[in-house]
Amino acid sequence: MALKRIPDFSAETGKVLNLFVIYISLPALVLLKIPDLIFSQNLLVPALMPWGMLFFSCALILILSEILKWDRATTGCLLLLVPLGNTSFLGIPMVKAFFGDQAISTALLYDQLGSFLALATYGSLVLAIYGTGKSSPTFRGVLKRVISFPPFIALILAFVIKDFPYPSIAVNLLKILSSTLVPLVMIAVGFQLTFQLDRKIASQLGVGLFIKLIAAPLTALVLCKMIGLQGETVRVSIFEAGMPPMVSAGALAILANLSPALTAALVGIGIVLSFATLPVLHQLLL
């Protein structure tokens, strides 16, 4: 955030760093970590939990929207921002910090098979219903967006060549490129943080962040305990369920004019609050 005050850094710095992460850092990390996965039933958890949290959050918001009489823009904003978490840009560095390198592959599955696919499909549906754009997303457009996303291409490629060992030079190159993810992401997030808070949207902001940062991960935790699911894969998935709203979803919400002030507050304040809620969630998972 301090770098934003240096004139030599362009206002587009955050977007440029995000593009580097999407096209270089994250695909390299996917190619490096996915081959280390050991297939088991537990891998279904990071693939399915994001969708379970999506349905839970979506149902809760629609019920509250009827009770509290929110307008369409507010409802659309919360339907887009609350179910979709920042499981990549913030989630992967956080998982690495709290669980170690060996847990990154689980975080990647949660993000690519859950959050990203949900943004491309469910997110497009929300934008079509509640947004002010002139054109509605088509099935072909959504499919093209999914299969052309660089980290998703890397995910498919990583599964295809999973049983073939990489040459040492390729491993070293992937390690160098993937190591850029954490510092670039944190700087990019800092460039895009905003703390604009309109008193009129304070209640919606509180409801949205409570569901995203507290209710969703605690629900996931309780359900996993009731079913008897355990292990690091489950703990990492629950941890990812507690990530703040997704930056990319926020950008789309603002473009669609879905309560821009509420969107900016959800993303910016959500990231800051997550630095307090995620350590508490991690302690509950121990």
C-alpha atoms as a PDB file:
ATOM      1  CA  MET A   1       0.000   0.000   0.000  1.00  0.00           C
ATOM      2  CA  ALA A   2       2.914   2.308   0.702  1.00  0.00           C
ATOM      3  CA  LEU A   3       4.223   1.767  -2.837  1.00  0.00           C
ATOM      4  CA  LYS A   4       1.085   3.435  -4.198  1.00  0.00           C
ATOM      5  CA  ARG A   5       2.413   6.731  -2.832  1.00  0.00           C
ATOM      6  CA  ILE A   6       5.559   6.541  -4.992  1.00  0.00           C
ATOM      7  CA  PRO A   7       4.876   8.456  -8.257  1.00  0.00           C
ATOM      8  CA  ASP A   8       7.056   6.104 -10.344  1.00  0.00           C
ATOM      9  CA  PHE A   9       4.511   3.293  -9.848  1.00  0.00           C
ATOM     10  CA  SER A  10       1.656   3.499 -12.342  1.00  0.00           C
ATOM     11  CA  ALA A  11      -1.951   3.357 -11.177  1.00  0.00           C
ATOM     12  CA  GLU A  12      -2.212   0.187 -13.312  1.00  0.00           C
ATOM     13  CA  THR A  13       0.570  -1.581 -11.369  1.00  0.00           C
ATOM     14  CA  GLY A  14      -1.852  -3.819  -9.474  1.00  0.00           C
ATOM     15  CA  LYS A  15      -3.566  -4.974 -12.673  1.00  0.00           C
ATOM     16  CA  VAL A  16      -0.230  -5.642 -14.401  1.00  0.00           C
ATOM     17  CA  LEU A  17       1.009  -7.735 -11.471  1.00  0.00           C
ATOM     18  CA  ASN A  18      -2.278  -9.651 -11.454  1.00  0.00           C
ATOM     19  CA  LEU A  19      -1.805 -10.471 -15.145  1.00  0.00           C
ATOM     20  CA  PHE A  20       1.729 -11.733 -14.490  1.00  0.00           C
ATOM     21  CA  VAL A  21       0.418 -13.943 -11.705  1.00  0.00           C
ATOM     22  CA  ILE A  22      -2.408 -15.326 -13.884  1.00  0.00           C
ATOM     23  CA  TYR A  23      -0.206 -16.041 -16.913  1.00  0.00           C
ATOM     24  CA  ILE A  24       3.100 -17.007 -15.266  1.00  0.00           C
ATOM     25  CA  SER A  25       3.242 -17.493 -11.485  1.00  0.00           C
ATOM     26  CA  LEU A  26       0.039 -19.457 -10.885  1.00  0.00           C
ATOM     27  CA  PRO A  27       0.383 -21.826 -13.895  1.00  0.00           C
ATOM     28  CA  ALA A  28       3.966 -22.547 -12.826  1.00  0.00           C
ATOM     29  CA  LEU A  29       2.774 -23.347  -9.297  1.00  0.00           C
ATOM     30  CA  VAL A  30       0.029 -25.618 -10.670  1.00  0.00           C
ATOM     31  CA  LEU A  31       2.499 -27.536 -12.837  1.00  0.00           C
ATOM     32  CA  LEU A  32       4.897 -27.858  -9.909  1.00  0.00           C
ATOM     33  CA  LYS A  33       2.458 -28.959  -7.190  1.00  0.00           C
ATOM     34  CA  ILE A  34      -0.286 -31.029  -8.872  1.00  0.00           C
ATOM     35  CA  PRO A  35       2.040 -33.973  -9.723  1.00  0.00           C
ATOM     36  CA  ASP A  36       2.708 -34.358  -5.979  1.00  0.00           C
ATOM     37  CA  LEU A  37      -0.968 -35.136  -5.303  1.00  0.00           C
ATOM     38  CA  ILE A  38      -1.799 -38.600  -4.032  1.00  0.00           C
ATOM     39  CA  PHE A  39      -5.303 -39.467  -5.221  1.00  0.00           C
ATOM     40  CA  SER A  40      -7.791 -40.407  -2.527  1.00  0.00           C
ATOM     41  CA  GLN A  41     -11.404 -39.778  -1.543  1.00  0.00           C
ATOM     42  CA  ASN A  42     -10.224 -36.736   0.406  1.00  0.00           C
ATOM     43  CA  LEU A  43      -9.521 -34.942  -2.884  1.00  0.00           C
ATOM     44  CA  LEU A  44     -13.280 -34.744  -3.402  1.00  0.00           C
ATOM     45  CA  VAL A  45     -13.462 -32.358  -0.448  1.00  0.00           C
ATOM     46  CA  PRO A  46     -11.569 -29.402  -2.022  1.00  0.00           C
ATOM     47  CA  ALA A  47     -13.420 -30.001  -5.307  1.00  0.00           C
ATOM     48  CA  LEU A  48     -16.923 -30.103  -3.796  1.00  0.00           C
ATOM     49  CA  MET A  49     -16.729 -27.880  -0.709  1.00  0.00           C
ATOM     50  CA  PRO A  50     -16.614 -24.567  -2.656  1.00  0.00           C
ATOM     51  CA  TRP A  51     -19.888 -25.517  -4.339  1.00  0.00           C
ATOM     52  CA  GLY A  52     -21.463 -26.458  -1.039  1.00  0.00           C
ATOM     53  CA  MET A  53     -20.440 -23.104   0.432  1.00  0.00           C
ATOM     54  CA  LEU A  54     -21.762 -21.372  -2.685  1.00  0.00           C
ATOM     55  CA  PHE A  55     -25.243 -22.895  -2.300  1.00  0.00           C
ATOM     56  CA  PHE A  56     -25.242 -22.176   1.439  1.00  0.00           C
ATOM     57  CA  SER A  57     -24.252 -18.511   0.990  1.00  0.00           C
ATOM     58  CA  CYS A  58     -26.550 -17.981  -1.987  1.00  0.00           C
ATOM     59  CA  ALA A  59     -29.597 -19.378  -0.152  1.00  0.00           C
ATOM     60  CA  LEU A  60     -28.848 -17.305   2.956  1.00  0.00           C
ATOM     61  CA  ILE A  61     -28.466 -14.072   0.980  1.00  0.00           C
ATOM     62  CA  LEU A  62     -31.684 -14.613  -0.980  1.00  0.00           C
ATOM     63  CA  ILE A  63     -33.603 -15.217   2.259  1.00  0.00           C
ATOM     64  CA  LEU A  64     -32.089 -12.122   3.912  1.00  0.00           C
ATOM     65  CA  SER A  65     -32.759 -10.068   0.784  1.00  0.00           C
ATOM     66  CA  GLU A  66     -36.473 -10.802   1.104  1.00  0.00           C
ATOM     67  CA  ILE A  67     -36.521 -10.109   4.845  1.00  0.00           C
ATOM     68  CA  LEU A  68     -34.429  -6.922   4.743  1.00  0.00           C
ATOM     69  CA  LYS A  69     -35.853  -5.633   1.436  1.00  0.00           C
ATOM     70  CA  TRP A  70     -32.531  -5.100  -0.325  1.00  0.00           C
ATOM     71  CA  ASP A  71     -32.601  -3.581  -3.806  1.00  0.00           C
ATOM     72  CA  ARG A  72     -31.502  -5.582  -6.862  1.00  0.00           C
ATOM     73  CA  ALA A  73     -28.025  -4.033  -7.024  1.00  0.00           C
ATOM     74  CA  THR A  74     -27.299  -4.880  -3.381  1.00  0.00           C
ATOM     75  CA  THR A  75     -28.652  -8.405  -3.743  1.00  0.00           C
ATOM     76  CA  GLY A  76     -26.646  -8.990  -6.920  1.00  0.00           C
ATOM     77  CA  CYS A  77     -23.481  -7.620  -5.320  1.00  0.00           C
ATOM     78  CA  LEU A  78     -23.775  -9.904  -2.289  1.00  0.00           C
ATOM     79  CA  LEU A  79     -24.723 -12.925  -4.420  1.00  0.00           C
ATOM     80  CA  LEU A  80     -21.529 -12.414  -6.438  1.00  0.00           C
ATOM     81  CA  LEU A  81     -19.078 -11.376  -3.715  1.00  0.00           C
ATOM     82  CA  VAL A  82     -20.029 -13.515  -0.717  1.00  0.00           C
ATOM     83  CA  PRO A  83     -20.071 -17.022  -2.261  1.00  0.00           C
ATOM     84  CA  LEU A  84     -16.822 -16.445  -4.179  1.00  0.00           C
ATOM     85  CA  GLY A  85     -13.690 -16.283  -2.047  1.00  0.00           C
ATOM     86  CA  ASN A  86     -10.199 -14.952  -2.699  1.00  0.00           C
ATOM     87  CA  THR A  87      -8.882 -18.524  -2.713  1.00  0.00           C
ATOM     88  CA  SER A  88      -6.053 -17.924  -5.161  1.00  0.00           C
ATOM     89  CA  PHE A  89      -4.396 -14.517  -4.757  1.00  0.00           C
ATOM     90  CA  LEU A  90      -4.823 -14.455  -0.987  1.00  0.00           C
ATOM     91  CA  GLY A  91      -5.719 -18.080  -0.304  1.00  0.00           C
ATOM     92  CA  ILE A  92      -2.542 -19.709  -1.614  1.00  0.00           C
ATOM     93  CA  PRO A  93      -0.135 -17.423   0.309  1.00  0.00           C
ATOM     94  CA  MET A  94      -2.244 -17.900   3.450  1.00  0.00           C
ATOM     95  CA  VAL A  95      -2.352 -21.692   3.076  1.00  0.00           C
ATOM     96  CA  LYS A  96       1.405 -21.717   2.541  1.00  0.00           C
ATOM     97  CA  ALA A  97       1.932 -19.613   5.671  1.00  0.00           C
ATOM     98  CA  PHE A  98      -0.362 -21.643   7.956  1.00  0.00           C
ATOM     99  CA  PHE A  99      -0.066 -25.182   6.563  1.00  0.00           C
ATOM    100  CA  GLY A 100       3.203 -25.291   4.608  1.00  0.00           C
ATOM    101  CA  ASP A 101       4.174 -26.006   1.001  1.00  0.00           C
ATOM    102  CA  GLN A 102       2.704 -29.515   1.015  1.00  0.00           C
ATOM    103  CA  ALA A 103      -0.825 -28.072   1.381  1.00  0.00           C
ATOM    104  CA  ILE A 104      -0.629 -25.815  -1.678  1.00  0.00           C
ATOM    105  CA  SER A 105      -1.849 -28.550  -4.052  1.00  0.00           C
ATOM    106  CA  THR A 106      -5.107 -28.811  -2.066  1.00  0.00           C
ATOM    107  CA  ALA A 107      -5.542 -25.046  -2.228  1.00  0.00           C
ATOM    108  CA  LEU A 108      -5.011 -25.166  -5.996  1.00  0.00           C
ATOM    109  CA  LEU A 109      -7.746 -27.788  -6.416  1.00  0.00           C
ATOM    110  CA  TYR A 110     -10.128 -25.747  -4.255  1.00  0.00           C
ATOM    111  CA  ASP A 111      -9.431 -22.668  -6.343  1.00  0.00           C
ATOM    112  CA  GLN A 112      -9.417 -24.128  -9.863  1.00  0.00           C
ATOM    113  CA  LEU A 113     -12.213 -26.718  -9.560  1.00  0.00           C
ATOM    114  CA  GLY A 114     -14.258 -24.581  -7.184  1.00  0.00           C
ATOM    115  CA  SER A 115     -13.820 -20.825  -7.020  1.00  0.00           C
ATOM    116  CA  PHE A 116     -12.680 -20.209 -10.602  1.00  0.00           C
ATOM    117  CA  LEU A 117     -15.291 -22.468 -12.210  1.00  0.00           C
ATOM    118  CA  ALA A 118     -17.935 -20.888  -9.972  1.00  0.00           C
ATOM    119  CA  LEU A 119     -16.867 -17.398 -11.085  1.00  0.00           C
ATOM    120  CA  ALA A 120     -17.050 -18.407 -14.749  1.00  0.00           C
ATOM    121  CA  THR A 121     -20.447 -20.153 -14.486  1.00  0.00           C
ATOM    122  CA  TYR A 122     -22.399 -19.007 -11.430  1.00  0.00           C
ATOM    123  CA  GLY A 123     -20.804 -15.553 -11.583  1.00  0.00           C
ATOM    124  CA  SER A 124     -21.835 -15.109 -15.213  1.00  0.00           C
ATOM    125  CA  LEU A 125     -25.396 -16.094 -14.306  1.00  0.00           C
ATOM    126  CA  VAL A 126     -25.569 -13.525 -11.484  1.00  0.00           C
ATOM    127  CA  LEU A 127     -24.197 -10.801 -13.757  1.00  0.00           C
ATOM    128  CA  ALA A 128     -26.741 -11.707 -16.433  1.00  0.00           C
ATOM    129  CA  ILE A 129     -29.666 -11.529 -13.994  1.00  0.00           C
ATOM    130  CA  TYR A 130     -28.676  -8.565 -11.822  1.00  0.00           C
ATOM    131  CA  GLY A 131     -26.108  -6.620 -13.881  1.00  0.00           C
ATOM    132  CA  THR A 132     -26.776  -3.624 -16.119  1.00  0.00           C
ATOM    133  CA  GLY A 133     -24.740  -4.901 -19.068  1.00  0.00           C
ATOM    134  CA  LYS A 134     -26.428  -5.071 -22.459  1.00  0.00           C
ATOM    135  CA  SER A 135     -25.344  -8.582 -23.414  1.00  0.00           C
ATOM    136  CA  SER A 136     -25.981 -11.765 -21.455  1.00  0.00           C
ATOM    137  CA  PRO A 137     -23.260 -14.435 -21.245  1.00  0.00           C
ATOM    138  CA  THR A 138     -23.752 -17.427 -23.526  1.00  0.00           C
ATOM    139  CA  PHE A 139     -22.848 -21.051 -22.800  1.00  0.00           C
ATOM    140  CA  ARG A 140     -20.192 -20.863 -25.523  1.00  0.00           C
ATOM    141  CA  GLY A 141     -18.730 -17.696 -24.016  1.00  0.00           C
ATOM    142  CA  VAL A 142     -18.586 -19.189 -20.519  1.00  0.00           C
ATOM    143  CA  LEU A 143     -16.998 -22.404 -21.820  1.00  0.00           C
ATOM    144  CA  LYS A 144     -14.413 -20.439 -23.812  1.00  0.00           C
ATOM    145  CA  ARG A 145     -13.566 -18.398 -20.720  1.00  0.00           C
ATOM    146  CA  VAL A 146     -13.021 -21.527 -18.650  1.00  0.00           C
ATOM    147  CA  ILE A 147     -10.864 -23.474 -21.099  1.00  0.00           C
ATOM    148  CA  SER A 148      -8.739 -20.433 -22.050  1.00  0.00           C
ATOM    149  CA  PHE A 149      -7.852 -19.474 -18.466  1.00  0.00           C
ATOM    150  CA  PRO A 150      -4.064 -20.077 -18.138  1.00  0.00           C
ATOM    151  CA  PRO A 151      -4.095 -21.702 -14.646  1.00  0.00           C
ATOM    152  CA  PHE A 152      -6.928 -24.028 -15.764  1.00  0.00           C
ATOM    153  CA  ILE A 153      -4.947 -25.029 -18.869  1.00  0.00           C
ATOM    154  CA  ALA A 154      -1.965 -25.700 -16.590  1.00  0.00           C
ATOM    155  CA  LEU A 155      -4.192 -27.800 -14.299  1.00  0.00           C
ATOM    156  CA  ILE A 156      -5.331 -30.040 -17.167  1.00  0.00           C
ATOM    157  CA  LEU A 157      -1.767 -30.326 -18.472  1.00  0.00           C
ATOM    158  CA  ALA A 158      -0.464 -31.174 -14.992  1.00  0.00           C
ATOM    159  CA  PHE A 159      -2.954 -34.053 -14.670  1.00  0.00           C
ATOM    160  CA  VAL A 160      -2.088 -35.340 -18.169  1.00  0.00           C
ATOM    161  CA  ILE A 161       1.660 -35.478 -17.509  1.00  0.00           C
ATOM    162  CA  LYS A 162       1.350 -36.339 -13.817  1.00  0.00           C
ATOM    163  CA  ASP A 163       3.077 -39.715 -14.168  1.00  0.00           C
ATOM    164  CA  PHE A 164       6.024 -38.372 -16.160  1.00  0.00           C
ATOM    165  CA  PRO A 165       8.883 -36.903 -14.079  1.00  0.00           C
ATOM    166  CA  TYR A 166      10.027 -33.427 -15.057  1.00  0.00           C
ATOM    167  CA  PRO A 167      13.644 -32.803 -16.121  1.00  0.00           C
ATOM    168  CA  SER A 168      15.621 -31.086 -13.369  1.00  0.00           C
ATOM    169  CA  ILE A 169      15.958 -27.908 -15.423  1.00  0.00           C
ATOM    170  CA  ALA A 170      12.149 -27.721 -15.769  1.00  0.00           C
ATOM    171  CA  VAL A 171      11.702 -28.218 -12.015  1.00  0.00           C
ATOM    172  CA  ASN A 172      14.176 -25.443 -11.253  1.00  0.00           C
ATOM    173  CA  LEU A 173      12.480 -23.092 -13.728  1.00  0.00           C
ATOM    174  CA  LEU A 174       9.012 -23.821 -12.280  1.00  0.00           C
ATOM    175  CA  LYS A 175      10.316 -23.219  -8.748  1.00  0.00           C
ATOM    176  CA  ILE A 176      11.755 -19.831  -9.741  1.00  0.00           C
ATOM    177  CA  LEU A 177       8.590 -18.716 -11.539  1.00  0.00           C
ATOM    178  CA  SER A 178       6.180 -20.020  -8.871  1.00  0.00           C
ATOM    179  CA  SER A 179       8.173 -18.321  -6.112  1.00  0.00           C
ATOM    180  CA  THR A 180       7.132 -14.959  -7.561  1.00  0.00           C
ATOM    181  CA  LEU A 181       3.465 -15.605  -6.699  1.00  0.00           C
ATOM    182  CA  VAL A 182       3.390 -14.632  -3.025  1.00  0.00           C
ATOM    183  CA  PRO A 183       5.297 -11.301  -3.192  1.00  0.00           C
ATOM    184  CA  LEU A 184       3.579 -10.182  -6.408  1.00  0.00           C
ATOM    185  CA  VAL A 185       0.135 -11.097  -5.111  1.00  0.00           C
ATOM    186  CA  MET A 186       0.577  -9.254  -1.835  1.00  0.00           C
ATOM    187  CA  ILE A 187       1.815  -6.124  -3.633  1.00  0.00           C
ATOM    188  CA  ALA A 188      -1.028  -6.349  -6.168  1.00  0.00           C
ATOM    189  CA  VAL A 189      -3.589  -6.698  -3.380  1.00  0.00           C
ATOM    190  CA  GLY A 190      -2.096  -3.680  -1.609  1.00  0.00           C
ATOM    191  CA  PHE A 191      -2.402  -1.603  -4.782  1.00  0.00           C
ATOM    192  CA  GLN A 192      -6.087  -2.481  -5.116  1.00  0.00           C
ATOM    193  CA  LEU A 193      -7.194  -2.150  -1.497  1.00  0.00           C
ATOM    194  CA  THR A 194      -9.842   0.492  -0.897  1.00  0.00           C
ATOM    195  CA  PHE A 195     -11.532   1.449   2.355  1.00  0.00           C
ATOM    196  CA  GLN A 196     -14.404   3.537   1.076  1.00  0.00           C
ATOM    197  CA  LEU A 197     -17.293   3.005   3.471  1.00  0.00           C
ATOM    198  CA  ASP A 198     -20.680   4.565   2.939  1.00  0.00           C
ATOM    199  CA  ARG A 199     -22.805   4.538   6.097  1.00  0.00           C
ATOM    200  CA  LYS A 200     -25.816   3.590   4.009  1.00  0.00           C
ATOM    201  CA  ILE A 201     -24.247   0.238   3.105  1.00  0.00           C
ATOM    202  CA  ALA A 202     -22.751  -0.520   6.524  1.00  0.00           C
ATOM    203  CA  SER A 203     -25.430  -3.060   7.457  1.00  0.00           C
ATOM    204  CA  GLN A 204     -25.158  -4.934   4.140  1.00  0.00           C
ATOM    205  CA  LEU A 205     -21.377  -4.903   4.508  1.00  0.00           C
ATOM    206  CA  GLY A 206     -21.619  -6.369   8.003  1.00  0.00           C
ATOM    207  CA  VAL A 207     -24.001  -9.110   6.897  1.00  0.00           C
ATOM    208  CA  GLY A 208     -21.897 -10.008   3.867  1.00  0.00           C
ATOM    209  CA  LEU A 209     -18.589 -10.206   5.740  1.00  0.00           C
ATOM    210  CA  PHE A 210     -20.160 -12.127   8.630  1.00  0.00           C
ATOM    211  CA  ILE A 211     -21.427 -14.801   6.239  1.00  0.00           C
ATOM    212  CA  LYS A 212     -18.161 -14.932   4.260  1.00  0.00           C
ATOM    213  CA  LEU A 213     -15.593 -14.802   7.050  1.00  0.00           C
ATOM    214  CA  ILE A 214     -17.433 -16.505   9.913  1.00  0.00           C
ATOM    215  CA  ALA A 215     -20.684 -18.312   9.079  1.00  0.00           C
ATOM    216  CA  ALA A 216     -19.474 -20.153   5.951  1.00  0.00           C
ATOM    217  CA  PRO A 217     -16.237 -21.637   7.377  1.00  0.00           C
ATOM    218  CA  LEU A 218     -17.895 -22.539  10.700  1.00  0.00           C
ATOM    219  CA  THR A 219     -20.707 -24.285   8.813  1.00  0.00           C
ATOM    220  CA  ALA A 220     -18.122 -26.191   6.779  1.00  0.00           C
ATOM    221  CA  LEU A 221     -16.290 -27.141   9.980  1.00  0.00           C
ATOM    222  CA  VAL A 222     -19.436 -28.406  11.698  1.00  0.00           C
ATOM    223  CA  LEU A 223     -20.590 -30.380   8.661  1.00  0.00           C
ATOM    224  CA  CYS A 224     -17.185 -32.035   8.223  1.00  0.00           C
ATOM    225  CA  LYS A 225     -17.143 -33.057  11.887  1.00  0.00           C
ATOM    226  CA  MET A 226     -20.687 -34.427  11.635  1.00  0.00           C
ATOM    227  CA  ILE A 227     -19.804 -36.482   8.561  1.00  0.00           C
ATOM    228  CA  GLY A 228     -16.525 -37.606  10.091  1.00  0.00           C
ATOM    229  CA  LEU A 229     -14.199 -36.015   7.545  1.00  0.00           C
ATOM    230  CA  GLN A 230     -10.732 -35.221   8.827  1.00  0.00           C
ATOM    231  CA  GLY A 231      -7.125 -34.781   7.747  1.00  0.00           C
ATOM    232  CA  GLU A 232      -5.079 -31.935   6.343  1.00  0.00           C
ATOM    233  CA  THR A 233      -6.971 -31.854   3.042  1.00  0.00           C
ATOM    234  CA  VAL A 234     -10.221 -31.220   4.923  1.00  0.00           C
ATOM    235  CA  ARG A 235      -8.642 -28.597   7.196  1.00  0.00           C
ATOM    236  CA  VAL A 236      -7.171 -26.702   4.230  1.00  0.00           C
ATOM    237  CA  SER A 237     -10.540 -26.803   2.435  1.00  0.00           C
ATOM    238  CA  ILE A 238     -12.330 -25.368   5.484  1.00  0.00           C
ATOM    239  CA  PHE A 239      -9.601 -22.725   5.778  1.00  0.00           C
ATOM    240  CA  GLU A 240     -10.110 -21.748   2.127  1.00  0.00           C
ATOM    241  CA  ALA A 241     -13.857 -21.471   2.790  1.00  0.00           C
ATOM    242  CA  GLY A 242     -13.049 -18.611   5.180  1.00  0.00           C
ATOM    243  CA  MET A 243     -11.232 -16.437   2.628  1.00  0.00           C
ATOM    244  CA  PRO A 244     -12.556 -12.885   2.034  1.00  0.00           C
ATOM    245  CA  PRO A 245     -14.464 -11.906  -1.135  1.00  0.00           C
ATOM    246  CA  MET A 246     -12.712 -12.445  -4.462  1.00  0.00           C
ATOM    247  CA  VAL A 247     -10.979  -9.430  -6.037  1.00  0.00           C
ATOM    248  CA  SER A 248     -11.881 -10.561  -9.581  1.00  0.00           C
ATOM    249  CA  ALA A 249     -15.557 -10.914  -8.651  1.00  0.00           C
ATOM    250  CA  GLY A 250     -15.413  -7.405  -7.189  1.00  0.00           C
ATOM    251  CA  ALA A 251     -14.052  -5.998 -10.433  1.00  0.00           C
ATOM    252  CA  LEU A 252     -16.880  -7.640 -12.389  1.00  0.00           C
ATOM    253  CA  ALA A 253     -19.478  -6.372  -9.910  1.00  0.00           C
ATOM    254  CA  ILE A 254     -18.245  -2.792 -10.280  1.00  0.00           C
ATOM    255  CA  LEU A 255     -18.276  -3.066 -14.089  1.00  0.00           C
ATOM    256  CA  ALA A 256     -21.889  -4.312 -13.882  1.00  0.00           C
ATOM    257  CA  ASN A 257     -22.782  -1.421 -11.540  1.00  0.00           C
ATOM    258  CA  LEU A 258     -23.732  -3.765  -8.694  1.00  0.00           C
ATOM    259  CA  SER A 259     -23.458  -1.331  -5.776  1.00  0.00           C
ATOM    260  CA  PRO A 260     -19.828  -0.235  -6.412  1.00  0.00           C
ATOM    261  CA  ALA A 261     -19.419   1.297  -2.932  1.00  0.00           C
ATOM    262  CA  LEU A 262     -20.531  -1.936  -1.244  1.00  0.00           C
ATOM    263  CA  THR A 263     -18.339  -3.986  -3.591  1.00  0.00           C
ATOM    264  CA  ALA A 264     -15.215  -1.936  -2.829  1.00  0.00           C
ATOM    265  CA  ALA A 265     -15.865  -2.161   0.912  1.00  0.00           C
ATOM    266  CA  LEU A 266     -16.463  -5.920   0.813  1.00  0.00           C
ATOM    267  CA  VAL A 267     -13.177  -6.543  -0.981  1.00  0.00           C
ATOM    268  CA  GLY A 268     -10.978  -4.026   0.820  1.00  0.00           C
ATOM    269  CA  ILE A 269     -12.262  -4.373   4.385  1.00  0.00           C
ATOM    270  CA  GLY A 270     -12.767  -8.112   3.918  1.00  0.00           C
ATOM    271  CA  ILE A 271      -9.065  -8.623   3.180  1.00  0.00           C
ATOM    272  CA  VAL A 272      -8.029  -6.618   6.222  1.00  0.00           C
ATOM    273  CA  LEU A 273     -10.451  -8.418   8.565  1.00  0.00           C
ATOM    274  CA  SER A 274      -9.327 -11.801   7.241  1.00  0.00           C
ATOM    275  CA  PHE A 275      -5.914 -11.201   8.804  1.00  0.00           C
ATOM    276  CA  ALA A 276      -7.728 -11.492  12.134  1.00  0.00           C
ATOM    277  CA  THR A 277     -10.336 -14.168  11.322  1.00  0.00           C
ATOM    278  CA  LEU A 278      -8.064 -16.632   9.487  1.00  0.00           C
ATOM    279  CA  PRO A 279      -5.639 -17.175  12.413  1.00  0.00           C
ATOM    280  CA  VAL A 280      -8.644 -17.818  14.691  1.00  0.00           C
ATOM    281  CA  LEU A 281     -10.082 -20.274  12.147  1.00  0.00           C
ATOM    282  CA  HIS A 282      -6.715 -22.013  11.917  1.00  0.00           C
ATOM    283  CA  GLN A 283      -6.680 -22.482  15.687  1.00  0.00           C
ATOM    284  CA  LEU A 284     -10.143 -24.052  15.542  1.00  0.00           C
ATOM    285  CA  LEU A 285      -8.869 -26.518  12.954  1.00  0.00           C
ATOM    286  CA  LEU A 286      -5.974 -27.766  15.080  1.00  0.00           C
END
